[in-house]
Amino acid sequence: MGIALLSLRQAEKVEPQLKAALNGSAASAKAAGSKFDSVKAGAAMGLTARERLALRDGSAVEAAAILNARQFVQSLVAKDRETTQAQMVWALGRIEPAELDNMVKQLARMRSRYASLILEYGQSERPIGKPALDELKGLRERIAEFEHGFEMIKGAILDGTAEVSGVKAARM
């Protein structure tokens, strides 16, 4: 959705329609056929000169939606959600329960390996060397990535973006 700059003359034609739509009055919309002074009309609606010039041809309600920053951000969030959902459906397809079981087992193995290394290094009287610290750091990062991915997949299953074979879709 792009924003076209209108000439002052075009803006003068759109402003009365916008004012009528904002007031919700059909009678005002019919009476808006006469030309309004753009400064008075813009001030009455609380629009800046830049906003008045940014109005697009089309219905006054659509023009008002373009000018509302909150609605614009909400439409971006909705578009992001829809696009992500479409890509998740494409990428994940139908998940087999065995795939999720293997992921859970792998995550449990990494957590237990990390815990055993921490205990082992905690019992040592010697300072921990750089290779040992690098191993711990790498393992911790892998655990964090697996946990994040696992949470994302669980969320996709709950919101209906991902299907699990033999499991009914969640209704929220």
N, C-alpha and C. Protein backbone atom coordinates (compact mmCIF):
# COMPACT_ATOMS: atom_id res chain seq x y z
N MET A 1 0.86 -1.15 0.00
CA MET A 1 0.00 0.00 0.00
C MET A 1 0.91 1.22 0.00
N GLY A 2 0.88 1.98 -1.10
CA GLY A 2 1.72 3.16 -1.20
C GLY A 2 0.94 4.41 -0.87
N ILE A 3 1.64 5.49 -0.65
CA ILE A 3 1.00 6.77 -0.35
C ILE A 3 1.37 7.71 -1.48
N ALA A 4 0.36 8.26 -2.15
CA ALA A 4 0.59 9.21 -3.23
C ALA A 4 0.34 10.61 -2.71
N LEU A 5 1.16 11.54 -3.16
CA LEU A 5 0.94 12.93 -2.78
C LEU A 5 -0.09 13.53 -3.71
N LEU A 6 -1.08 14.18 -3.15
CA LEU A 6 -2.14 14.81 -3.92
C LEU A 6 -1.87 16.30 -4.03
N SER A 7 -2.36 16.83 -5.12
CA SER A 7 -2.26 18.29 -5.23
C SER A 7 -3.22 18.91 -4.23
N LEU A 8 -3.03 20.19 -3.95
CA LEU A 8 -3.90 20.87 -3.00
C LEU A 8 -5.35 20.82 -3.48
N ARG A 9 -5.55 20.90 -4.78
CA ARG A 9 -6.90 20.84 -5.35
C ARG A 9 -7.53 19.47 -5.10
N GLN A 10 -6.76 18.38 -5.30
CA GLN A 10 -7.28 17.04 -5.06
C GLN A 10 -7.55 16.84 -3.56
N ALA A 11 -6.69 17.38 -2.72
CA ALA A 11 -6.88 17.26 -1.28
C ALA A 11 -8.14 17.97 -0.84
N GLU A 12 -8.44 19.11 -1.46
CA GLU A 12 -9.66 19.84 -1.12
C GLU A 12 -10.90 19.02 -1.44
N LYS A 13 -10.83 18.18 -2.46
CA LYS A 13 -11.97 17.32 -2.82
C LYS A 13 -12.13 16.16 -1.85
N VAL A 14 -11.01 15.64 -1.34
CA VAL A 14 -11.05 14.46 -0.47
C VAL A 14 -11.36 14.83 0.97
N GLU A 15 -10.92 15.99 1.43
CA GLU A 15 -11.10 16.38 2.82
C GLU A 15 -12.55 16.35 3.30
N PRO A 16 -13.52 16.89 2.53
CA PRO A 16 -14.91 16.82 3.02
C PRO A 16 -15.41 15.39 3.17
N GLN A 17 -14.98 14.50 2.28
CA GLN A 17 -15.39 13.10 2.38
C GLN A 17 -14.78 12.46 3.63
N LEU A 18 -13.53 12.78 3.88
CA LEU A 18 -12.86 12.25 5.05
C LEU A 18 -13.51 12.76 6.33
N LYS A 19 -13.84 14.05 6.36
CA LYS A 19 -14.49 14.63 7.53
C LYS A 19 -15.83 13.95 7.78
N ALA A 20 -16.58 13.71 6.71
CA ALA A 20 -17.87 13.05 6.84
C ALA A 20 -17.71 11.62 7.38
N ALA A 21 -16.69 10.92 6.89
CA ALA A 21 -16.47 9.55 7.35
C ALA A 21 -16.05 9.54 8.82
N LEU A 22 -15.21 10.48 9.19
CA LEU A 22 -14.77 10.53 10.58
C LEU A 22 -15.90 10.88 11.53
N ASN A 23 -16.81 11.73 11.08
CA ASN A 23 -17.96 12.10 11.90
C ASN A 23 -19.05 11.04 11.85
N GLY A 24 -18.98 10.15 10.87
CA GLY A 24 -19.96 9.09 10.75
C GLY A 24 -21.32 9.58 10.29
N SER A 25 -21.34 10.67 9.63
CA SER A 25 -22.60 11.25 9.21
C SER A 25 -22.78 11.14 7.70
N ALA A 26 -23.81 10.45 7.29
CA ALA A 26 -24.10 10.32 5.87
C ALA A 26 -24.58 11.65 5.30
N ALA A 27 -25.29 12.41 6.08
CA ALA A 27 -25.77 13.71 5.61
C ALA A 27 -24.60 14.64 5.34
N SER A 28 -23.59 14.58 6.17
CA SER A 28 -22.41 15.41 5.96
C SER A 28 -21.69 15.01 4.70
N ALA A 29 -21.72 13.71 4.39
CA ALA A 29 -21.05 13.23 3.20
C ALA A 29 -21.71 13.79 1.94
N LYS A 30 -23.03 13.87 1.95
CA LYS A 30 -23.74 14.43 0.79
C LYS A 30 -23.49 15.92 0.68
N ALA A 31 -23.46 16.60 1.80
CA ALA A 31 -23.26 18.04 1.80
C ALA A 31 -21.80 18.39 1.52
N ALA A 32 -20.93 17.42 1.53
CA ALA A 32 -19.51 17.68 1.35
C ALA A 32 -19.14 17.93 -0.09
N GLY A 33 -20.09 17.95 -0.96
CA GLY A 33 -19.81 18.22 -2.36
C GLY A 33 -19.25 19.61 -2.57
N SER A 34 -19.56 20.56 -1.73
CA SER A 34 -19.02 21.90 -1.88
C SER A 34 -17.59 21.90 -1.41
N LYS A 35 -16.80 22.85 -1.95
CA LYS A 35 -15.38 22.91 -1.60
C LYS A 35 -15.21 23.59 -0.25
N PHE A 36 -14.34 22.99 0.58
CA PHE A 36 -14.00 23.55 1.88
C PHE A 36 -12.66 24.23 1.76
N ASP A 37 -12.43 25.21 2.56
CA ASP A 37 -11.10 25.79 2.65
C ASP A 37 -10.22 24.74 3.30
N SER A 38 -9.11 24.36 2.65
CA SER A 38 -8.29 23.24 3.12
C SER A 38 -7.72 23.49 4.51
N VAL A 39 -7.39 24.71 4.83
CA VAL A 39 -6.83 25.00 6.14
C VAL A 39 -7.87 24.78 7.22
N LYS A 40 -9.11 25.28 7.02
CA LYS A 40 -10.17 25.12 8.02
C LYS A 40 -10.54 23.65 8.18
N ALA A 41 -10.70 22.95 7.04
CA ALA A 41 -11.11 21.55 7.10
C ALA A 41 -10.04 20.70 7.78
N GLY A 42 -8.78 20.93 7.43
CA GLY A 42 -7.69 20.17 8.04
C GLY A 42 -7.59 20.43 9.52
N ALA A 43 -7.76 21.68 9.92
CA ALA A 43 -7.70 22.01 11.34
C ALA A 43 -8.86 21.37 12.09
N ALA A 44 -10.05 21.36 11.47
CA ALA A 44 -11.23 20.77 12.11
C ALA A 44 -11.04 19.28 12.33
N MET A 45 -10.34 18.62 11.41
CA MET A 45 -10.13 17.18 11.53
C MET A 45 -8.87 16.85 12.30
N GLY A 46 -8.07 17.85 12.59
CA GLY A 46 -6.83 17.59 13.31
C GLY A 46 -5.73 17.04 12.42
N LEU A 47 -5.82 17.26 11.12
CA LEU A 47 -4.82 16.75 10.19
C LEU A 47 -3.79 17.83 9.88
N THR A 48 -2.56 17.40 9.71
CA THR A 48 -1.54 18.34 9.29
C THR A 48 -1.61 18.49 7.77
N ALA A 49 -0.94 19.51 7.27
CA ALA A 49 -0.93 19.71 5.82
C ALA A 49 -0.32 18.49 5.12
N ARG A 50 0.71 17.92 5.72
CA ARG A 50 1.35 16.74 5.13
C ARG A 50 0.39 15.56 5.07
N GLU A 51 -0.41 15.37 6.14
CA GLU A 51 -1.38 14.27 6.15
C GLU A 51 -2.46 14.49 5.10
N ARG A 52 -2.91 15.75 4.97
CA ARG A 52 -3.93 16.03 3.97
C ARG A 52 -3.41 15.74 2.57
N LEU A 53 -2.15 16.06 2.32
CA LEU A 53 -1.58 15.81 1.00
C LEU A 53 -1.28 14.34 0.77
N ALA A 54 -1.20 13.56 1.85
CA ALA A 54 -0.87 12.15 1.71
C ALA A 54 -2.09 11.28 1.44
N LEU A 55 -3.27 11.88 1.41
CA LEU A 55 -4.49 11.10 1.18
C LEU A 55 -4.47 10.50 -0.22
N ARG A 56 -4.96 9.31 -0.33
CA ARG A 56 -5.04 8.65 -1.63
C ARG A 56 -6.44 8.76 -2.17
N ASP A 57 -6.56 8.64 -3.49
CA ASP A 57 -7.89 8.55 -4.10
C ASP A 57 -8.53 7.27 -3.61
N GLY A 58 -9.80 7.29 -3.39
CA GLY A 58 -10.51 6.13 -2.87
C GLY A 58 -11.48 6.58 -1.80
N SER A 59 -11.98 5.60 -1.05
CA SER A 59 -12.97 5.95 -0.04
C SER A 59 -12.32 6.71 1.10
N ALA A 60 -13.09 7.50 1.77
CA ALA A 60 -12.58 8.30 2.89
C ALA A 60 -12.16 7.41 4.06
N VAL A 61 -12.83 6.30 4.23
CA VAL A 61 -12.48 5.39 5.32
C VAL A 61 -11.09 4.81 5.07
N GLU A 62 -10.80 4.42 3.83
CA GLU A 62 -9.46 3.91 3.51
C GLU A 62 -8.41 4.98 3.73
N ALA A 63 -8.72 6.20 3.36
CA ALA A 63 -7.78 7.30 3.55
C ALA A 63 -7.51 7.53 5.03
N ALA A 64 -8.55 7.43 5.84
CA ALA A 64 -8.37 7.62 7.28
C ALA A 64 -7.51 6.51 7.86
N ALA A 65 -7.67 5.29 7.36
CA ALA A 65 -6.88 4.18 7.86
C ALA A 65 -5.40 4.35 7.52
N ILE A 66 -5.12 4.95 6.39
CA ILE A 66 -3.75 5.18 5.99
C ILE A 66 -3.07 6.14 6.96
N LEU A 67 -3.81 7.09 7.46
CA LEU A 67 -3.22 8.12 8.30
C LEU A 67 -3.04 7.68 9.75
N ASN A 68 -3.65 6.60 10.15
CA ASN A 68 -3.59 6.16 11.54
C ASN A 68 -2.37 5.24 11.73
N ALA A 69 -1.39 5.72 12.47
CA ALA A 69 -0.15 4.97 12.67
C ALA A 69 -0.39 3.66 13.40
N ARG A 70 -1.27 3.65 14.38
CA ARG A 70 -1.55 2.43 15.14
C ARG A 70 -2.12 1.35 14.21
N GLN A 71 -3.05 1.73 13.34
CA GLN A 71 -3.63 0.77 12.41
C GLN A 71 -2.58 0.26 11.44
N PHE A 72 -1.70 1.14 10.99
CA PHE A 72 -0.65 0.73 10.07
C PHE A 72 0.26 -0.31 10.73
N VAL A 73 0.65 -0.08 11.96
CA VAL A 73 1.51 -1.02 12.67
C VAL A 73 0.76 -2.33 12.91
N GLN A 74 -0.52 -2.25 13.24
CA GLN A 74 -1.31 -3.46 13.43
C GLN A 74 -1.40 -4.27 12.14
N SER A 75 -1.51 -3.58 11.00
CA SER A 75 -1.56 -4.30 9.72
C SER A 75 -0.21 -4.96 9.43
N LEU A 76 0.89 -4.31 9.81
CA LEU A 76 2.21 -4.92 9.65
C LEU A 76 2.34 -6.17 10.50
N VAL A 77 1.86 -6.10 11.74
CA VAL A 77 1.93 -7.26 12.63
C VAL A 77 1.09 -8.41 12.07
N ALA A 78 -0.10 -8.09 11.56
CA ALA A 78 -0.96 -9.13 10.98
C ALA A 78 -0.31 -9.74 9.74
N LYS A 79 0.30 -8.90 8.92
CA LYS A 79 0.96 -9.41 7.72
C LYS A 79 2.14 -10.29 8.09
N ASP A 80 2.90 -9.88 9.11
CA ASP A 80 4.03 -10.67 9.59
C ASP A 80 3.55 -12.03 10.08
N ARG A 81 2.46 -12.03 10.84
CA ARG A 81 1.90 -13.27 11.38
C ARG A 81 1.44 -14.20 10.24
N GLU A 82 0.73 -13.64 9.26
CA GLU A 82 0.23 -14.44 8.15
C GLU A 82 1.37 -15.00 7.30
N THR A 83 2.37 -14.18 7.03
CA THR A 83 3.50 -14.63 6.22
C THR A 83 4.30 -15.70 6.94
N THR A 84 4.53 -15.49 8.23
CA THR A 84 5.26 -16.49 9.01
C THR A 84 4.48 -17.79 9.06
N GLN A 85 3.17 -17.69 9.26
CA GLN A 85 2.34 -18.89 9.32
C GLN A 85 2.41 -19.66 7.99
N ALA A 86 2.32 -18.94 6.87
CA ALA A 86 2.38 -19.60 5.57
C ALA A 86 3.73 -20.29 5.36
N GLN A 87 4.81 -19.62 5.76
CA GLN A 87 6.14 -20.22 5.61
C GLN A 87 6.33 -21.42 6.54
N MET A 88 5.77 -21.34 7.75
CA MET A 88 5.87 -22.46 8.69
C MET A 88 5.12 -23.68 8.14
N VAL A 89 3.95 -23.45 7.58
CA VAL A 89 3.17 -24.55 7.01
C VAL A 89 3.97 -25.19 5.87
N TRP A 90 4.57 -24.36 5.04
CA TRP A 90 5.35 -24.87 3.92
C TRP A 90 6.58 -25.63 4.41
N ALA A 91 7.30 -25.06 5.37
CA ALA A 91 8.57 -25.64 5.82
C ALA A 91 8.37 -26.89 6.67
N LEU A 92 7.40 -26.86 7.56
CA LEU A 92 7.23 -27.97 8.49
C LEU A 92 6.39 -29.11 7.93
N GLY A 93 5.38 -28.75 7.16
CA GLY A 93 4.50 -29.78 6.65
C GLY A 93 3.85 -30.53 7.79
N ARG A 94 3.75 -31.83 7.67
CA ARG A 94 3.19 -32.66 8.73
C ARG A 94 4.33 -33.28 9.52
N ILE A 95 4.32 -33.04 10.82
CA ILE A 95 5.37 -33.53 11.70
C ILE A 95 4.97 -34.89 12.25
N GLU A 96 5.90 -35.80 12.23
CA GLU A 96 5.66 -37.12 12.81
C GLU A 96 5.98 -37.05 14.30
N PRO A 97 5.20 -37.69 15.15
CA PRO A 97 5.48 -37.68 16.58
C PRO A 97 6.89 -38.19 16.92
N ALA A 98 7.40 -39.12 16.12
CA ALA A 98 8.75 -39.65 16.37
C ALA A 98 9.81 -38.55 16.22
N GLU A 99 9.59 -37.61 15.30
CA GLU A 99 10.53 -36.50 15.13
C GLU A 99 10.61 -35.65 16.39
N LEU A 100 9.46 -35.39 16.97
CA LEU A 100 9.42 -34.61 18.21
C LEU A 100 10.02 -35.38 19.38
N ASP A 101 9.77 -36.68 19.43
CA ASP A 101 10.37 -37.51 20.48
C ASP A 101 11.89 -37.48 20.38
N ASN A 102 12.42 -37.59 19.16
CA ASN A 102 13.87 -37.56 18.97
C ASN A 102 14.44 -36.20 19.39
N MET A 103 13.72 -35.13 19.11
CA MET A 103 14.18 -33.80 19.49
C MET A 103 14.23 -33.67 21.02
N VAL A 104 13.20 -34.18 21.69
CA VAL A 104 13.16 -34.12 23.15
C VAL A 104 14.30 -34.94 23.75
N LYS A 105 14.56 -36.12 23.19
CA LYS A 105 15.65 -36.96 23.69
C LYS A 105 17.00 -36.29 23.48
N GLN A 106 17.20 -35.69 22.33
CA GLN A 106 18.46 -35.00 22.05
C GLN A 106 18.68 -33.84 23.02
N LEU A 107 17.61 -33.08 23.27
CA LEU A 107 17.69 -31.96 24.20
C LEU A 107 18.01 -32.45 25.61
N ALA A 108 17.40 -33.55 26.02
CA ALA A 108 17.67 -34.12 27.35
C ALA A 108 19.12 -34.58 27.45
N ARG A 109 19.65 -35.20 26.37
CA ARG A 109 21.05 -35.63 26.38
C ARG A 109 22.00 -34.45 26.53
N MET A 110 21.71 -33.37 25.80
CA MET A 110 22.58 -32.19 25.89
C MET A 110 22.53 -31.57 27.29
N ARG A 111 21.35 -31.50 27.87
CA ARG A 111 21.22 -30.94 29.23
C ARG A 111 21.98 -31.79 30.24
N SER A 112 21.84 -33.11 30.13
CA SER A 112 22.51 -33.99 31.10
C SER A 112 24.03 -33.95 30.90
N ARG A 113 24.48 -33.85 29.66
CA ARG A 113 25.93 -33.74 29.40
C ARG A 113 26.46 -32.44 30.00
N TYR A 114 25.73 -31.37 29.83
CA TYR A 114 26.15 -30.06 30.37
C TYR A 114 26.23 -30.13 31.90
N ALA A 115 25.21 -30.69 32.51
CA ALA A 115 25.19 -30.79 33.98
C ALA A 115 26.34 -31.66 34.49
N SER A 116 26.61 -32.78 33.81
CA SER A 116 27.70 -33.65 34.26
C SER A 116 29.06 -32.96 34.09
N LEU A 117 29.24 -32.18 33.03
CA LEU A 117 30.49 -31.45 32.85
C LEU A 117 30.68 -30.40 33.94
N ILE A 118 29.61 -29.71 34.28
CA ILE A 118 29.69 -28.69 35.33
C ILE A 118 30.09 -29.35 36.66
N LEU A 119 29.47 -30.47 36.97
CA LEU A 119 29.83 -31.19 38.21
C LEU A 119 31.28 -31.65 38.18
N GLU A 120 31.69 -32.18 37.03
CA GLU A 120 33.06 -32.68 36.89
C GLU A 120 34.08 -31.56 37.09
N TYR A 121 33.82 -30.42 36.42
CA TYR A 121 34.76 -29.31 36.54
C TYR A 121 34.69 -28.67 37.93
N GLY A 122 33.57 -28.77 38.58
CA GLY A 122 33.43 -28.23 39.93
C GLY A 122 34.21 -29.03 40.96
N GLN A 123 34.46 -30.31 40.71
CA GLN A 123 35.20 -31.17 41.63
C GLN A 123 36.70 -31.03 41.47
N SER A 124 37.10 -30.47 40.35
CA SER A 124 38.53 -30.36 40.08
C SER A 124 39.17 -29.23 40.87
N GLU A 125 40.39 -29.48 41.34
CA GLU A 125 41.13 -28.46 42.06
C GLU A 125 41.86 -27.53 41.10
N ARG A 126 42.04 -27.97 39.86
CA ARG A 126 42.76 -27.17 38.87
C ARG A 126 41.82 -26.16 38.22
N PRO A 127 42.37 -25.06 37.72
CA PRO A 127 41.53 -24.11 36.98
C PRO A 127 41.05 -24.75 35.67
N ILE A 128 39.88 -24.33 35.26
CA ILE A 128 39.30 -24.87 34.03
C ILE A 128 40.02 -24.24 32.84
N GLY A 129 40.45 -25.08 31.92
CA GLY A 129 41.17 -24.61 30.74
C GLY A 129 40.24 -24.05 29.68
N LYS A 130 40.84 -23.37 28.72
CA LYS A 130 40.08 -22.76 27.64
C LYS A 130 39.30 -23.79 26.82
N PRO A 131 39.89 -24.94 26.48
CA PRO A 131 39.10 -25.93 25.72
C PRO A 131 37.85 -26.39 26.48
N ALA A 132 37.99 -26.57 27.78
CA ALA A 132 36.84 -27.00 28.58
C ALA A 132 35.77 -25.92 28.62
N LEU A 133 36.20 -24.66 28.77
CA LEU A 133 35.23 -23.56 28.76
C LEU A 133 34.54 -23.42 27.40
N ASP A 134 35.32 -23.61 26.33
CA ASP A 134 34.73 -23.55 24.99
C ASP A 134 33.70 -24.66 24.78
N GLU A 135 34.01 -25.85 25.32
CA GLU A 135 33.06 -26.96 25.21
C GLU A 135 31.77 -26.64 25.97
N LEU A 136 31.90 -26.11 27.17
CA LEU A 136 30.72 -25.74 27.96
C LEU A 136 29.89 -24.66 27.26
N LYS A 137 30.59 -23.65 26.76
CA LYS A 137 29.90 -22.55 26.08
C LYS A 137 29.16 -23.06 24.84
N GLY A 138 29.83 -23.88 24.05
CA GLY A 138 29.19 -24.43 22.85
C GLY A 138 27.98 -25.28 23.18
N LEU A 139 28.11 -26.08 24.21
CA LEU A 139 26.99 -26.93 24.63
C LEU A 139 25.83 -26.09 25.14
N ARG A 140 26.14 -25.07 25.93
CA ARG A 140 25.09 -24.17 26.43
C ARG A 140 24.36 -23.47 25.27
N GLU A 141 25.11 -23.02 24.27
CA GLU A 141 24.49 -22.36 23.11
C GLU A 141 23.61 -23.32 22.33
N ARG A 142 24.07 -24.56 22.15
CA ARG A 142 23.24 -25.55 21.45
C ARG A 142 21.96 -25.86 22.20
N ILE A 143 22.08 -25.95 23.52
CA ILE A 143 20.88 -26.19 24.35
C ILE A 143 19.90 -25.04 24.18
N ALA A 144 20.40 -23.81 24.24
CA ALA A 144 19.53 -22.64 24.10
C ALA A 144 18.85 -22.63 22.73
N GLU A 145 19.59 -22.97 21.68
CA GLU A 145 18.99 -23.00 20.34
C GLU A 145 17.94 -24.10 20.23
N PHE A 146 18.23 -25.27 20.77
CA PHE A 146 17.25 -26.36 20.74
C PHE A 146 16.00 -25.98 21.51
N GLU A 147 16.19 -25.39 22.69
CA GLU A 147 15.03 -24.99 23.50
C GLU A 147 14.19 -23.95 22.77
N HIS A 148 14.84 -22.98 22.15
CA HIS A 148 14.11 -21.95 21.41
C HIS A 148 13.34 -22.58 20.25
N GLY A 149 13.99 -23.45 19.51
CA GLY A 149 13.32 -24.13 18.40
C GLY A 149 12.17 -25.00 18.87
N PHE A 150 12.37 -25.69 19.97
CA PHE A 150 11.32 -26.55 20.52
C PHE A 150 10.11 -25.73 20.93
N GLU A 151 10.34 -24.57 21.58
CA GLU A 151 9.24 -23.68 21.96
C GLU A 151 8.51 -23.16 20.72
N MET A 152 9.25 -22.84 19.68
CA MET A 152 8.64 -22.35 18.45
C MET A 152 7.76 -23.42 17.81
N ILE A 153 8.26 -24.63 17.79
CA ILE A 153 7.47 -25.72 17.20
C ILE A 153 6.22 -25.99 18.03
N LYS A 154 6.35 -25.98 19.36
CA LYS A 154 5.17 -26.17 20.22
C LYS A 154 4.14 -25.07 19.96
N GLY A 155 4.60 -23.83 19.83
CA GLY A 155 3.70 -22.72 19.52
C GLY A 155 3.02 -22.90 18.17
N ALA A 156 3.78 -23.38 17.19
CA ALA A 156 3.20 -23.61 15.86
C ALA A 156 2.15 -24.72 15.90
N ILE A 157 2.38 -25.72 16.72
CA ILE A 157 1.39 -26.80 16.85
C ILE A 157 0.12 -26.26 17.51
N LEU A 158 0.28 -25.45 18.56
CA LEU A 158 -0.88 -24.91 19.26
C LEU A 158 -1.68 -23.93 18.42
N ASP A 159 -1.00 -23.10 17.61
CA ASP A 159 -1.76 -22.13 16.82
C ASP A 159 -2.22 -22.69 15.48
N GLY A 160 -1.95 -23.97 15.23
CA GLY A 160 -2.46 -24.60 14.01
C GLY A 160 -1.56 -24.41 12.80
N THR A 161 -0.40 -23.84 12.97
CA THR A 161 0.52 -23.64 11.86
C THR A 161 1.19 -24.94 11.47
N ALA A 162 1.44 -25.80 12.42
CA ALA A 162 2.09 -27.09 12.15
C ALA A 162 1.13 -28.21 12.54
N GLU A 163 1.12 -29.24 11.72
CA GLU A 163 0.29 -30.40 11.99
C GLU A 163 1.15 -31.52 12.49
N VAL A 164 0.64 -32.28 13.45
CA VAL A 164 1.31 -33.47 13.95
C VAL A 164 0.43 -34.65 13.57
N SER A 165 1.03 -35.63 12.93
CA SER A 165 0.26 -36.81 12.51
C SER A 165 -0.42 -37.45 13.71
N GLY A 166 -1.72 -37.69 13.57
CA GLY A 166 -2.49 -38.35 14.62
C GLY A 166 -2.94 -37.44 15.75
N VAL A 167 -2.71 -36.14 15.63
CA VAL A 167 -3.10 -35.20 16.68
C VAL A 167 -4.09 -34.19 16.09
N LYS A 168 -5.20 -34.00 16.81
CA LYS A 168 -6.19 -33.02 16.35
C LYS A 168 -5.66 -31.61 16.54
N ALA A 169 -6.01 -30.71 15.61
CA ALA A 169 -5.56 -29.32 15.70
C ALA A 169 -6.20 -28.66 16.90
N ALA A 170 -5.43 -27.80 17.55
CA ALA A 170 -5.92 -27.07 18.74
C ALA A 170 -6.90 -26.00 18.31
N ARG A 171 -7.94 -25.82 19.09
CA ARG A 171 -8.93 -24.75 18.86
C ARG A 171 -8.84 -23.80 20.02
N MET A 172 -8.43 -22.55 19.72
CA MET A 172 -8.31 -21.58 20.79
C MET A 172 -9.22 -20.43 20.56
